[in-house]
Amino acid sequence: MYAFPVRLPLDTSGWKAMAWRGNLSKNIKELRFLLCQSSPASASARAFVEKNYKELKTLNPKLPILIRECSGVEPQLWARYDLGVEKGIKLEGMTEPQISKVLEDMVKAGEAFKA
């Protein structure tokens, strides 16, 4: 008697939730993180960049993702869209998941600025 392997459906909910990460360069022309190298206010922003930069850059190789460090600067995330439109968000007090949600919202907002 032969036993056939049971094929279970893959859980793709995580893939769909993160699909927006591969669309950064479709909606955004440039992404800038402003943060302090040592302040507690920038700790979550630093952690987000350290954990996510490689994946974001791999999925969007032609998108300029700039990390600007300056002592004492307030953590911020800036997106430049088509037609020179820029949008900035202050990241102070946000957690890493909140920063991820802000970035996702910025990507979705980019649809409105397409030339």
PDB file of N, CA and C in Angstrom:
ATOM      1  N   MET A   1       0.842  -1.170   0.000  1.00  0.00           N
ATOM      2  CA  MET A   1       0.000   0.000   0.000  1.00  0.00           C
ATOM      3  C   MET A   1       0.895   1.244   0.000  1.00  0.00           C
ATOM      4  N   TYR A   2       0.561   2.168  -0.845  1.00  0.00           N
ATOM      5  CA  TYR A   2       1.341   3.395  -0.965  1.00  0.00           C
ATOM      6  C   TYR A   2       0.686   4.519  -0.164  1.00  0.00           C
ATOM      7  N   ALA A   3       1.512   5.300   0.470  1.00  0.00           N
ATOM      8  CA  ALA A   3       1.004   6.468   1.197  1.00  0.00           C
ATOM      9  C   ALA A   3       1.356   7.708   0.388  1.00  0.00           C
ATOM     10  N   PHE A   4       0.367   8.448   0.052  1.00  0.00           N
ATOM     11  CA  PHE A   4       0.585   9.677  -0.698  1.00  0.00           C
ATOM     12  C   PHE A   4       0.701  10.847   0.271  1.00  0.00           C
ATOM     13  N   PRO A   5       1.619  11.739  -0.010  1.00  0.00           N
ATOM     14  CA  PRO A   5       1.741  12.877   0.896  1.00  0.00           C
ATOM     15  C   PRO A   5       0.511  13.772   0.829  1.00  0.00           C
ATOM     16  N   VAL A   6       0.135  14.232   1.951  1.00  0.00           N
ATOM     17  CA  VAL A   6      -1.003  15.150   2.020  1.00  0.00           C
ATOM     18  C   VAL A   6      -0.476  16.554   1.765  1.00  0.00           C
ATOM     19  N   ARG A   7      -1.087  17.232   0.836  1.00  0.00           N
ATOM     20  CA  ARG A   7      -0.666  18.598   0.525  1.00  0.00           C
ATOM     21  C   ARG A   7      -1.591  19.573   1.235  1.00  0.00           C
ATOM     22  N   LEU A   8      -1.006  20.307   2.138  1.00  0.00           N
ATOM     23  CA  LEU A   8      -1.766  21.311   2.861  1.00  0.00           C
ATOM     24  C   LEU A   8      -1.600  22.649   2.161  1.00  0.00           C
ATOM     25  N   PRO A   9      -2.628  23.459   2.154  1.00  0.00           N
ATOM     26  CA  PRO A   9      -2.485  24.777   1.516  1.00  0.00           C
ATOM     27  C   PRO A   9      -1.482  25.630   2.296  1.00  0.00           C
ATOM     28  N   LEU A  10      -0.700  26.361   1.557  1.00  0.00           N
ATOM     29  CA  LEU A  10       0.257  27.254   2.191  1.00  0.00           C
ATOM     30  C   LEU A  10      -0.454  28.458   2.767  1.00  0.00           C
ATOM     31  N   ASP A  11       0.024  28.922   3.888  1.00  0.00           N
ATOM     32  CA  ASP A  11      -0.528  30.142   4.470  1.00  0.00           C
ATOM     33  C   ASP A  11       0.142  31.319   3.781  1.00  0.00           C
ATOM     34  N   THR A  12      -0.583  31.988   2.911  1.00  0.00           N
ATOM     35  CA  THR A  12      -0.013  33.109   2.163  1.00  0.00           C
ATOM     36  C   THR A  12      -0.435  34.452   2.734  1.00  0.00           C
ATOM     37  N   SER A  13      -1.077  34.457   3.889  1.00  0.00           N
ATOM     38  CA  SER A  13      -1.547  35.727   4.456  1.00  0.00           C
ATOM     39  C   SER A  13      -0.382  36.667   4.728  1.00  0.00           C
ATOM     40  N   GLY A  14       0.743  36.139   5.172  1.00  0.00           N
ATOM     41  CA  GLY A  14       1.916  36.977   5.417  1.00  0.00           C
ATOM     42  C   GLY A  14       2.481  37.552   4.136  1.00  0.00           C
ATOM     43  N   TRP A  15       2.442  36.777   3.054  1.00  0.00           N
ATOM     44  CA  TRP A  15       2.952  37.260   1.764  1.00  0.00           C
ATOM     45  C   TRP A  15       2.097  38.405   1.248  1.00  0.00           C
ATOM     46  N   LYS A  16       0.787  38.234   1.327  1.00  0.00           N
ATOM     47  CA  LYS A  16      -0.104  39.275   0.840  1.00  0.00           C
ATOM     48  C   LYS A  16       0.034  40.541   1.673  1.00  0.00           C
ATOM     49  N   ALA A  17       0.220  40.367   2.966  1.00  0.00           N
ATOM     50  CA  ALA A  17       0.347  41.521   3.854  1.00  0.00           C
ATOM     51  C   ALA A  17       1.611  42.312   3.551  1.00  0.00           C
ATOM     52  N   MET A  18       2.636  41.648   3.051  1.00  0.00           N
ATOM     53  CA  MET A  18       3.905  42.317   2.782  1.00  0.00           C
ATOM     54  C   MET A  18       4.110  42.620   1.303  1.00  0.00           C
ATOM     55  N   ALA A  19       3.129  42.355   0.465  1.00  0.00           N
ATOM     56  CA  ALA A  19       3.280  42.568  -0.973  1.00  0.00           C
ATOM     57  C   ALA A  19       3.562  44.026  -1.316  1.00  0.00           C
ATOM     58  N   TRP A  20       3.085  44.945  -0.505  1.00  0.00           N
ATOM     59  CA  TRP A  20       3.296  46.363  -0.774  1.00  0.00           C
ATOM     60  C   TRP A  20       4.775  46.716  -0.770  1.00  0.00           C
ATOM     61  N   ARG A  21       5.593  45.958  -0.054  1.00  0.00           N
ATOM     62  CA  ARG A  21       7.024  46.240   0.030  1.00  0.00           C
ATOM     63  C   ARG A  21       7.700  46.167  -1.342  1.00  0.00           C
ATOM     64  N   GLY A  22       7.231  45.286  -2.191  1.00  0.00           N
ATOM     65  CA  GLY A  22       7.788  45.167  -3.533  1.00  0.00           C
ATOM     66  C   GLY A  22       7.297  46.239  -4.485  1.00  0.00           C
ATOM     67  N   ASN A  23       6.308  47.020  -4.063  1.00  0.00           N
ATOM     68  CA  ASN A  23       5.737  48.068  -4.907  1.00  0.00           C
ATOM     69  C   ASN A  23       6.221  49.464  -4.539  1.00  0.00           C
ATOM     70  N   LEU A  24       7.192  49.562  -3.673  1.00  0.00           N
ATOM     71  CA  LEU A  24       7.693  50.881  -3.276  1.00  0.00           C
ATOM     72  C   LEU A  24       8.088  51.711  -4.487  1.00  0.00           C
ATOM     73  N   SER A  25       8.881  51.131  -5.360  1.00  0.00           N
ATOM     74  CA  SER A  25       9.415  51.895  -6.493  1.00  0.00           C
ATOM     75  C   SER A  25       8.346  52.213  -7.548  1.00  0.00           C
ATOM     76  N   LYS A  26       7.205  51.563  -7.489  1.00  0.00           N
ATOM     77  CA  LYS A  26       6.124  51.886  -8.425  1.00  0.00           C
ATOM     78  C   LYS A  26       5.429  53.182  -8.028  1.00  0.00           C
ATOM     79  N   ASN A  27       5.392  53.465  -6.736  1.00  0.00           N
ATOM     80  CA  ASN A  27       4.639  54.618  -6.249  1.00  0.00           C
ATOM     81  C   ASN A  27       5.502  55.719  -5.645  1.00  0.00           C
ATOM     82  N   ILE A  28       6.737  55.408  -5.311  1.00  0.00           N
ATOM     83  CA  ILE A  28       7.622  56.373  -4.644  1.00  0.00           C
ATOM     84  C   ILE A  28       8.899  56.529  -5.463  1.00  0.00           C
ATOM     85  N   LYS A  29       9.375  57.754  -5.598  1.00  0.00           N
ATOM     86  CA  LYS A  29      10.606  58.026  -6.345  1.00  0.00           C
ATOM     87  C   LYS A  29      11.839  58.037  -5.452  1.00  0.00           C
ATOM     88  N   GLU A  30      11.657  58.359  -4.170  1.00  0.00           N
ATOM     89  CA  GLU A  30      12.780  58.387  -3.236  1.00  0.00           C
ATOM     90  C   GLU A  30      12.229  58.249  -1.827  1.00  0.00           C
ATOM     91  N   LEU A  31      12.963  57.536  -0.979  1.00  0.00           N
ATOM     92  CA  LEU A  31      12.591  57.350   0.416  1.00  0.00           C
ATOM     93  C   LEU A  31      13.745  57.823   1.287  1.00  0.00           C
ATOM     94  N   ARG A  32      13.454  58.659   2.297  1.00  0.00           N
ATOM     95  CA  ARG A  32      14.500  59.183   3.186  1.00  0.00           C
ATOM     96  C   ARG A  32      14.128  58.955   4.637  1.00  0.00           C
ATOM     97  N   PHE A  33      15.054  58.376   5.380  1.00  0.00           N
ATOM     98  CA  PHE A  33      14.922  58.248   6.826  1.00  0.00           C
ATOM     99  C   PHE A  33      15.868  59.257   7.455  1.00  0.00           C
ATOM    100  N   LEU A  34      15.357  60.089   8.334  1.00  0.00           N
ATOM    101  CA  LEU A  34      16.177  61.023   9.104  1.00  0.00           C
ATOM    102  C   LEU A  34      16.168  60.518  10.544  1.00  0.00           C
ATOM    103  N   LEU A  35      17.345  60.336  11.123  1.00  0.00           N
ATOM    104  CA  LEU A  35      17.396  59.841  12.494  1.00  0.00           C
ATOM    105  C   LEU A  35      18.706  60.207  13.176  1.00  0.00           C
ATOM    106  N   CYS A  36      18.679  60.115  14.495  1.00  0.00           N
ATOM    107  CA  CYS A  36      19.867  60.370  15.308  1.00  0.00           C
ATOM    108  C   CYS A  36      20.537  59.023  15.587  1.00  0.00           C
ATOM    109  N   GLN A  37      21.861  59.009  15.604  1.00  0.00           N
ATOM    110  CA  GLN A  37      22.607  57.766  15.804  1.00  0.00           C
ATOM    111  C   GLN A  37      22.482  57.230  17.226  1.00  0.00           C
ATOM    112  N   SER A  38      22.149  58.097  18.200  1.00  0.00           N
ATOM    113  CA  SER A  38      22.216  57.657  19.596  1.00  0.00           C
ATOM    114  C   SER A  38      21.001  57.999  20.453  1.00  0.00           C
ATOM    115  N   SER A  39      20.119  58.867  20.013  1.00  0.00           N
ATOM    116  CA  SER A  39      19.026  59.302  20.889  1.00  0.00           C
ATOM    117  C   SER A  39      17.969  58.214  21.064  1.00  0.00           C
ATOM    118  N   PRO A  40      17.382  58.151  22.257  1.00  0.00           N
ATOM    119  CA  PRO A  40      16.293  57.191  22.492  1.00  0.00           C
ATOM    120  C   PRO A  40      15.082  57.456  21.591  1.00  0.00           C
ATOM    121  N   ALA A  41      14.857  58.702  21.197  1.00  0.00           N
ATOM    122  CA  ALA A  41      13.727  59.041  20.332  1.00  0.00           C
ATOM    123  C   ALA A  41      13.835  58.361  18.970  1.00  0.00           C
ATOM    124  N   SER A  42      15.053  58.114  18.511  1.00  0.00           N
ATOM    125  CA  SER A  42      15.265  57.490  17.199  1.00  0.00           C
ATOM    126  C   SER A  42      15.482  55.980  17.274  1.00  0.00           C
ATOM    127  N   ALA A  43      15.367  55.394  18.465  1.00  0.00           N
ATOM    128  CA  ALA A  43      15.677  53.972  18.638  1.00  0.00           C
ATOM    129  C   ALA A  43      14.825  53.070  17.741  1.00  0.00           C
ATOM    130  N   SER A  44      13.531  53.302  17.700  1.00  0.00           N
ATOM    131  CA  SER A  44      12.655  52.461  16.865  1.00  0.00           C
ATOM    132  C   SER A  44      12.941  52.655  15.381  1.00  0.00           C
ATOM    133  N   ALA A  45      13.215  53.895  14.980  1.00  0.00           N
ATOM    134  CA  ALA A  45      13.530  54.167  13.577  1.00  0.00           C
ATOM    135  C   ALA A  45      14.832  53.477  13.184  1.00  0.00           C
ATOM    136  N   ARG A  46      15.835  53.538  14.063  1.00  0.00           N
ATOM    137  CA  ARG A  46      17.109  52.847  13.786  1.00  0.00           C
ATOM    138  C   ARG A  46      16.883  51.350  13.663  1.00  0.00           C
ATOM    139  N   ALA A  47      16.112  50.785  14.595  1.00  0.00           N
ATOM    140  CA  ALA A  47      15.844  49.343  14.572  1.00  0.00           C
ATOM    141  C   ALA A  47      15.090  48.954  13.298  1.00  0.00           C
ATOM    142  N   PHE A  48      14.121  49.779  12.882  1.00  0.00           N
ATOM    143  CA  PHE A  48      13.373  49.496  11.660  1.00  0.00           C
ATOM    144  C   PHE A  48      14.295  49.468  10.452  1.00  0.00           C
ATOM    145  N   VAL A  49      15.165  50.460  10.361  1.00  0.00           N
ATOM    146  CA  VAL A  49      16.095  50.536   9.226  1.00  0.00           C
ATOM    147  C   VAL A  49      17.038  49.336   9.246  1.00  0.00           C
ATOM    148  N   GLU A  50      17.577  49.003  10.405  1.00  0.00           N
ATOM    149  CA  GLU A  50      18.510  47.875  10.509  1.00  0.00           C
ATOM    150  C   GLU A  50      17.852  46.563  10.090  1.00  0.00           C
ATOM    151  N   LYS A  51      16.602  46.370  10.442  1.00  0.00           N
ATOM    152  CA  LYS A  51      15.918  45.109  10.152  1.00  0.00           C
ATOM    153  C   LYS A  51      15.315  45.041   8.753  1.00  0.00           C
ATOM    154  N   ASN A  52      14.971  46.188   8.169  1.00  0.00           N
ATOM    155  CA  ASN A  52      14.201  46.175   6.924  1.00  0.00           C
ATOM    156  C   ASN A  52      14.912  46.718   5.695  1.00  0.00           C
ATOM    157  N   TYR A  53      16.010  47.440   5.864  1.00  0.00           N
ATOM    158  CA  TYR A  53      16.663  48.072   4.718  1.00  0.00           C
ATOM    159  C   TYR A  53      17.036  47.053   3.641  1.00  0.00           C
ATOM    160  N   LYS A  54      17.666  45.974   4.040  1.00  0.00           N
ATOM    161  CA  LYS A  54      18.148  44.990   3.062  1.00  0.00           C
ATOM    162  C   LYS A  54      16.993  44.431   2.226  1.00  0.00           C
ATOM    163  N   GLU A  55      15.901  44.058   2.873  1.00  0.00           N
ATOM    164  CA  GLU A  55      14.759  43.501   2.140  1.00  0.00           C
ATOM    165  C   GLU A  55      14.134  44.550   1.220  1.00  0.00           C
ATOM    166  N   LEU A  56      13.949  45.767   1.726  1.00  0.00           N
ATOM    167  CA  LEU A  56      13.354  46.825   0.909  1.00  0.00           C
ATOM    168  C   LEU A  56      14.222  47.125  -0.306  1.00  0.00           C
ATOM    169  N   LYS A  57      15.531  47.167  -0.118  1.00  0.00           N
ATOM    170  CA  LYS A  57      16.448  47.464  -1.224  1.00  0.00           C
ATOM    171  C   LYS A  57      16.500  46.303  -2.215  1.00  0.00           C
ATOM    172  N   THR A  58      16.446  45.071  -1.713  1.00  0.00           N
ATOM    173  CA  THR A  58      16.448  43.902  -2.589  1.00  0.00           C
ATOM    174  C   THR A  58      15.197  43.874  -3.464  1.00  0.00           C
ATOM    175  N   LEU A  59      14.047  44.219  -2.884  1.00  0.00           N
ATOM    176  CA  LEU A  59      12.794  44.216  -3.630  1.00  0.00           C
ATOM    177  C   LEU A  59      12.653  45.423  -4.552  1.00  0.00           C
ATOM    178  N   ASN A  60      13.401  46.498  -4.261  1.00  0.00           N
ATOM    179  CA  ASN A  60      13.320  47.740  -5.032  1.00  0.00           C
ATOM    180  C   ASN A  60      14.731  48.255  -5.327  1.00  0.00           C
ATOM    181  N   PRO A  61      15.495  47.544  -6.151  1.00  0.00           N
ATOM    182  CA  PRO A  61      16.912  47.869  -6.324  1.00  0.00           C
ATOM    183  C   PRO A  61      17.199  49.249  -6.916  1.00  0.00           C
ATOM    184  N   LYS A  62      16.284  49.803  -7.686  1.00  0.00           N
ATOM    185  CA  LYS A  62      16.541  51.107  -8.315  1.00  0.00           C
ATOM    186  C   LYS A  62      16.012  52.278  -7.491  1.00  0.00           C
ATOM    187  N   LEU A  63      15.284  51.982  -6.418  1.00  0.00           N
ATOM    188  CA  LEU A  63      14.718  53.038  -5.577  1.00  0.00           C
ATOM    189  C   LEU A  63      15.787  53.599  -4.647  1.00  0.00           C
ATOM    190  N   PRO A  64      16.024  54.916  -4.681  1.00  0.00           N
ATOM    191  CA  PRO A  64      16.952  55.501  -3.707  1.00  0.00           C
ATOM    192  C   PRO A  64      16.331  55.457  -2.308  1.00  0.00           C
ATOM    193  N   ILE A  65      16.976  54.739  -1.413  1.00  0.00           N
ATOM    194  CA  ILE A  65      16.567  54.707  -0.006  1.00  0.00           C
ATOM    195  C   ILE A  65      17.712  55.340   0.777  1.00  0.00           C
ATOM    196  N   LEU A  66      17.490  56.551   1.238  1.00  0.00           N
ATOM    197  CA  LEU A  66      18.538  57.332   1.892  1.00  0.00           C
ATOM    198  C   LEU A  66      18.369  57.299   3.408  1.00  0.00           C
ATOM    199  N   ILE A  67      19.463  57.085   4.117  1.00  0.00           N
ATOM    200  CA  ILE A  67      19.480  57.136   5.565  1.00  0.00           C
ATOM    201  C   ILE A  67      20.337  58.336   5.945  1.00  0.00           C
ATOM    202  N   ARG A  68      19.715  59.330   6.538  1.00  0.00           N
ATOM    203  CA  ARG A  68      20.419  60.553   6.924  1.00  0.00           C
ATOM    204  C   ARG A  68      20.492  60.610   8.436  1.00  0.00           C
ATOM    205  N   GLU A  69      21.719  60.552   8.960  1.00  0.00           N
ATOM    206  CA  GLU A  69      21.936  60.581  10.402  1.00  0.00           C
ATOM    207  C   GLU A  69      22.511  61.938  10.807  1.00  0.00           C
ATOM    208  N   CYS A  70      21.944  62.481  11.874  1.00  0.00           N
ATOM    209  CA  CYS A  70      22.420  63.753  12.389  1.00  0.00           C
ATOM    210  C   CYS A  70      22.152  63.771  13.887  1.00  0.00           C
ATOM    211  N   SER A  71      23.121  64.168  14.646  1.00  0.00           N
ATOM    212  CA  SER A  71      22.992  64.194  16.101  1.00  0.00           C
ATOM    213  C   SER A  71      21.843  65.104  16.524  1.00  0.00           C
ATOM    214  N   GLY A  72      20.923  64.557  17.317  1.00  0.00           N
ATOM    215  CA  GLY A  72      19.825  65.326  17.866  1.00  0.00           C
ATOM    216  C   GLY A  72      18.638  65.545  16.952  1.00  0.00           C
ATOM    217  N   VAL A  73      18.666  65.030  15.743  1.00  0.00           N
ATOM    218  CA  VAL A  73      17.552  65.243  14.810  1.00  0.00           C
ATOM    219  C   VAL A  73      16.348  64.392  15.231  1.00  0.00           C
ATOM    220  N   GLU A  74      15.166  64.921  14.978  1.00  0.00           N
ATOM    221  CA  GLU A  74      13.934  64.200  15.251  1.00  0.00           C
ATOM    222  C   GLU A  74      13.744  63.128  14.174  1.00  0.00           C
ATOM    223  N   PRO A  75      13.398  61.885  14.558  1.00  0.00           N
ATOM    224  CA  PRO A  75      13.241  60.834  13.545  1.00  0.00           C
ATOM    225  C   PRO A  75      12.057  61.122  12.628  1.00  0.00           C
ATOM    226  N   GLN A  76      12.303  61.017  11.326  1.00  0.00           N
ATOM    227  CA  GLN A  76      11.276  61.303  10.328  1.00  0.00           C
ATOM    228  C   GLN A  76      11.430  60.348   9.149  1.00  0.00           C
ATOM    229  N   LEU A  77      10.345  60.189   8.424  1.00  0.00           N
ATOM    230  CA  LEU A  77      10.343  59.414   7.184  1.00  0.00           C
ATOM    231  C   LEU A  77       9.741  60.304   6.106  1.00  0.00           C
ATOM    232  N   TRP A  78      10.472  60.465   5.008  1.00  0.00           N
ATOM    233  CA  TRP A  78      10.036  61.301   3.886  1.00  0.00           C
ATOM    234  C   TRP A  78       9.944  60.461   2.628  1.00  0.00           C
ATOM    235  N   ALA A  79       8.893  60.690   1.862  1.00  0.00           N
ATOM    236  CA  ALA A  79       8.724  60.039   0.564  1.00  0.00           C
ATOM    237  C   ALA A  79       8.573  61.123  -0.490  1.00  0.00           C
ATOM    238  N   ARG A  80       9.305  60.957  -1.609  1.00  0.00           N
ATOM    239  CA  ARG A  80       9.140  61.862  -2.754  1.00  0.00           C
ATOM    240  C   ARG A  80       8.407  61.083  -3.833  1.00  0.00           C
ATOM    241  N   TYR A  81       7.336  61.682  -4.324  1.00  0.00           N
ATOM    242  CA  TYR A  81       6.476  61.056  -5.326  1.00  0.00           C
ATOM    243  C   TYR A  81       6.704  61.721  -6.686  1.00  0.00           C
ATOM    244  N   ASP A  82       5.910  61.302  -7.670  1.00  0.00           N
ATOM    245  CA  ASP A  82       5.913  61.966  -8.980  1.00  0.00           C
ATOM    246  C   ASP A  82       5.570  63.436  -8.812  1.00  0.00           C
ATOM    247  N   LEU A  83       5.958  64.226  -9.789  1.00  0.00           N
ATOM    248  CA  LEU A  83       5.670  65.657  -9.832  1.00  0.00           C
ATOM    249  C   LEU A  83       6.304  66.424  -8.673  1.00  0.00           C
ATOM    250  N   GLY A  84       7.328  65.854  -8.024  1.00  0.00           N
ATOM    251  CA  GLY A  84       8.047  66.543  -6.964  1.00  0.00           C
ATOM    252  C   GLY A  84       7.313  66.653  -5.646  1.00  0.00           C
ATOM    253  N   VAL A  85       6.205  65.980  -5.495  1.00  0.00           N
ATOM    254  CA  VAL A  85       5.435  66.022  -4.255  1.00  0.00           C
ATOM    255  C   VAL A  85       6.179  65.234  -3.180  1.00  0.00           C
ATOM    256  N   GLU A  86       6.309  65.825  -1.992  1.00  0.00           N
ATOM    257  CA  GLU A  86       6.958  65.151  -0.873  1.00  0.00           C
ATOM    258  C   GLU A  86       6.019  65.104   0.318  1.00  0.00           C
ATOM    259  N   LYS A  87       6.124  64.019   1.079  1.00  0.00           N
ATOM    260  CA  LYS A  87       5.319  63.857   2.283  1.00  0.00           C
ATOM    261  C   LYS A  87       6.225  63.347   3.385  1.00  0.00           C
ATOM    262  N   GLY A  88       6.166  63.988   4.545  1.00  0.00           N
ATOM    263  CA  GLY A  88       6.996  63.586   5.675  1.00  0.00           C
ATOM    264  C   GLY A  88       6.158  63.245   6.888  1.00  0.00           C
ATOM    265  N   ILE A  89       6.633  62.289   7.661  1.00  0.00           N
ATOM    266  CA  ILE A  89       5.952  61.846   8.877  1.00  0.00           C
ATOM    267  C   ILE A  89       6.978  61.802  10.005  1.00  0.00           C
ATOM    268  N   LYS A  90       6.628  62.341  11.163  1.00  0.00           N
ATOM    269  CA  LYS A  90       7.488  62.255  12.347  1.00  0.00           C
ATOM    270  C   LYS A  90       7.321  60.875  12.964  1.00  0.00           C
ATOM    271  N   LEU A  91       8.439  60.228  13.282  1.00  0.00           N
ATOM    272  CA  LEU A  91       8.418  58.856  13.779  1.00  0.00           C
ATOM    273  C   LEU A  91       8.634  58.745  15.287  1.00  0.00           C
ATOM    274  N   GLU A  92       8.837  59.855  15.953  1.00  0.00           N
ATOM    275  CA  GLU A  92       9.120  59.817  17.388  1.00  0.00           C
ATOM    276  C   GLU A  92       7.958  59.178  18.139  1.00  0.00           C
ATOM    277  N   GLY A  93       8.280  58.228  19.012  1.00  0.00           N
ATOM    278  CA  GLY A  93       7.271  57.553  19.813  1.00  0.00           C
ATOM    279  C   GLY A  93       6.598  56.382  19.127  1.00  0.00           C
ATOM    280  N   MET A  94       6.947  56.123  17.868  1.00  0.00           N
ATOM    281  CA  MET A  94       6.334  55.009  17.149  1.00  0.00           C
ATOM    282  C   MET A  94       7.135  53.729  17.360  1.00  0.00           C
ATOM    283  N   THR A  95       6.438  52.598  17.299  1.00  0.00           N
ATOM    284  CA  THR A  95       7.088  51.292  17.356  1.00  0.00           C
ATOM    285  C   THR A  95       7.457  50.869  15.931  1.00  0.00           C
ATOM    286  N   GLU A  96       8.233  49.807  15.811  1.00  0.00           N
ATOM    287  CA  GLU A  96       8.598  49.312  14.479  1.00  0.00           C
ATOM    288  C   GLU A  96       7.370  48.925  13.643  1.00  0.00           C
ATOM    289  N   PRO A  97       6.377  48.210  14.210  1.00  0.00           N
ATOM    290  CA  PRO A  97       5.183  47.906  13.407  1.00  0.00           C
ATOM    291  C   PRO A  97       4.427  49.164  12.978  1.00  0.00           C
ATOM    292  N   GLN A  98       4.411  50.182  13.811  1.00  0.00           N
ATOM    293  CA  GLN A  98       3.755  51.433  13.437  1.00  0.00           C
ATOM    294  C   GLN A  98       4.505  52.120  12.294  1.00  0.00           C
ATOM    295  N   ILE A  99       5.831  52.074  12.337  1.00  0.00           N
ATOM    296  CA  ILE A  99       6.629  52.659  11.256  1.00  0.00           C
ATOM    297  C   ILE A  99       6.365  51.906   9.958  1.00  0.00           C
ATOM    298  N   SER A 100       6.268  50.584  10.044  1.00  0.00           N
ATOM    299  CA  SER A 100       5.966  49.776   8.867  1.00  0.00           C
ATOM    300  C   SER A 100       4.603  50.166   8.295  1.00  0.00           C
ATOM    301  N   LYS A 101       3.615  50.384   9.143  1.00  0.00           N
ATOM    302  CA  LYS A 101       2.282  50.778   8.704  1.00  0.00           C
ATOM    303  C   LYS A 101       2.311  52.160   8.054  1.00  0.00           C
ATOM    304  N   VAL A 102       3.084  53.085   8.621  1.00  0.00           N
ATOM    305  CA  VAL A 102       3.224  54.424   8.040  1.00  0.00           C
ATOM    306  C   VAL A 102       3.814  54.320   6.635  1.00  0.00           C
ATOM    307  N   LEU A 103       4.856  53.496   6.487  1.00  0.00           N
ATOM    308  CA  LEU A 103       5.478  53.319   5.175  1.00  0.00           C
ATOM    309  C   LEU A 103       4.489  52.699   4.187  1.00  0.00           C
ATOM    310  N   GLU A 104       3.740  51.707   4.634  1.00  0.00           N
ATOM    311  CA  GLU A 104       2.729  51.093   3.766  1.00  0.00           C
ATOM    312  C   GLU A 104       1.704  52.137   3.313  1.00  0.00           C
ATOM    313  N   ASP A 105       1.256  52.980   4.235  1.00  0.00           N
ATOM    314  CA  ASP A 105       0.287  54.032   3.888  1.00  0.00           C
ATOM    315  C   ASP A 105       0.878  55.025   2.896  1.00  0.00           C
ATOM    316  N   MET A 106       2.176  55.320   3.045  1.00  0.00           N
ATOM    317  CA  MET A 106       2.840  56.241   2.103  1.00  0.00           C
ATOM    318  C   MET A 106       2.896  55.632   0.700  1.00  0.00           C
ATOM    319  N   VAL A 107       3.149  54.342   0.637  1.00  0.00           N
ATOM    320  CA  VAL A 107       3.183  53.649  -0.659  1.00  0.00           C
ATOM    321  C   VAL A 107       1.814  53.715  -1.310  1.00  0.00           C
ATOM    322  N   LYS A 108       0.772  53.455  -0.534  1.00  0.00           N
ATOM    323  CA  LYS A 108      -0.586  53.480  -1.076  1.00  0.00           C
ATOM    324  C   LYS A 108      -0.971  54.907  -1.493  1.00  0.00           C
ATOM    325  N   ALA A 109      -0.527  55.899  -0.736  1.00  0.00           N
ATOM    326  CA  ALA A 109      -0.825  57.301  -1.060  1.00  0.00           C
ATOM    327  C   ALA A 109      -0.169  57.707  -2.374  1.00  0.00           C
ATOM    328  N   GLY A 110       0.920  57.044  -2.735  1.00  0.00           N
ATOM    329  CA  GLY A 110       1.632  57.362  -3.970  1.00  0.00           C
ATOM    330  C   GLY A 110       0.801  57.144  -5.225  1.00  0.00           C
ATOM    331  N   GLU A 111      -0.221  56.301  -5.143  1.00  0.00           N
ATOM    332  CA  GLU A 111      -1.109  56.082  -6.288  1.00  0.00           C
ATOM    333  C   GLU A 111      -1.746  57.387  -6.757  1.00  0.00           C
ATOM    334  N   ALA A 112      -2.053  58.262  -5.816  1.00  0.00           N
ATOM    335  CA  ALA A 112      -2.728  59.517  -6.139  1.00  0.00           C
ATOM    336  C   ALA A 112      -1.802  60.511  -6.847  1.00  0.00           C
ATOM    337  N   PHE A 113      -0.486  60.331  -6.694  1.00  0.00           N
ATOM    338  CA  PHE A 113       0.474  61.284  -7.246  1.00  0.00           C
ATOM    339  C   PHE A 113       1.093  60.822  -8.561  1.00  0.00           C
ATOM    340  N   LYS A 114       0.631  59.724  -9.106  1.00  0.00           N
ATOM    341  CA  LYS A 114       1.230  59.211 -10.345  1.00  0.00           C
ATOM    342  C   LYS A 114       0.973  60.165 -11.497  1.00  0.00           C
ATOM    343  N   ALA A 115       2.046  60.376 -12.280  1.00  0.00           N
ATOM    344  CA  ALA A 115       1.947  61.296 -13.423  1.00  0.00           C
ATOM    345  C   ALA A 115       1.249  60.626 -14.592  1.00  0.00           C
TER     346      ALA A 115
END
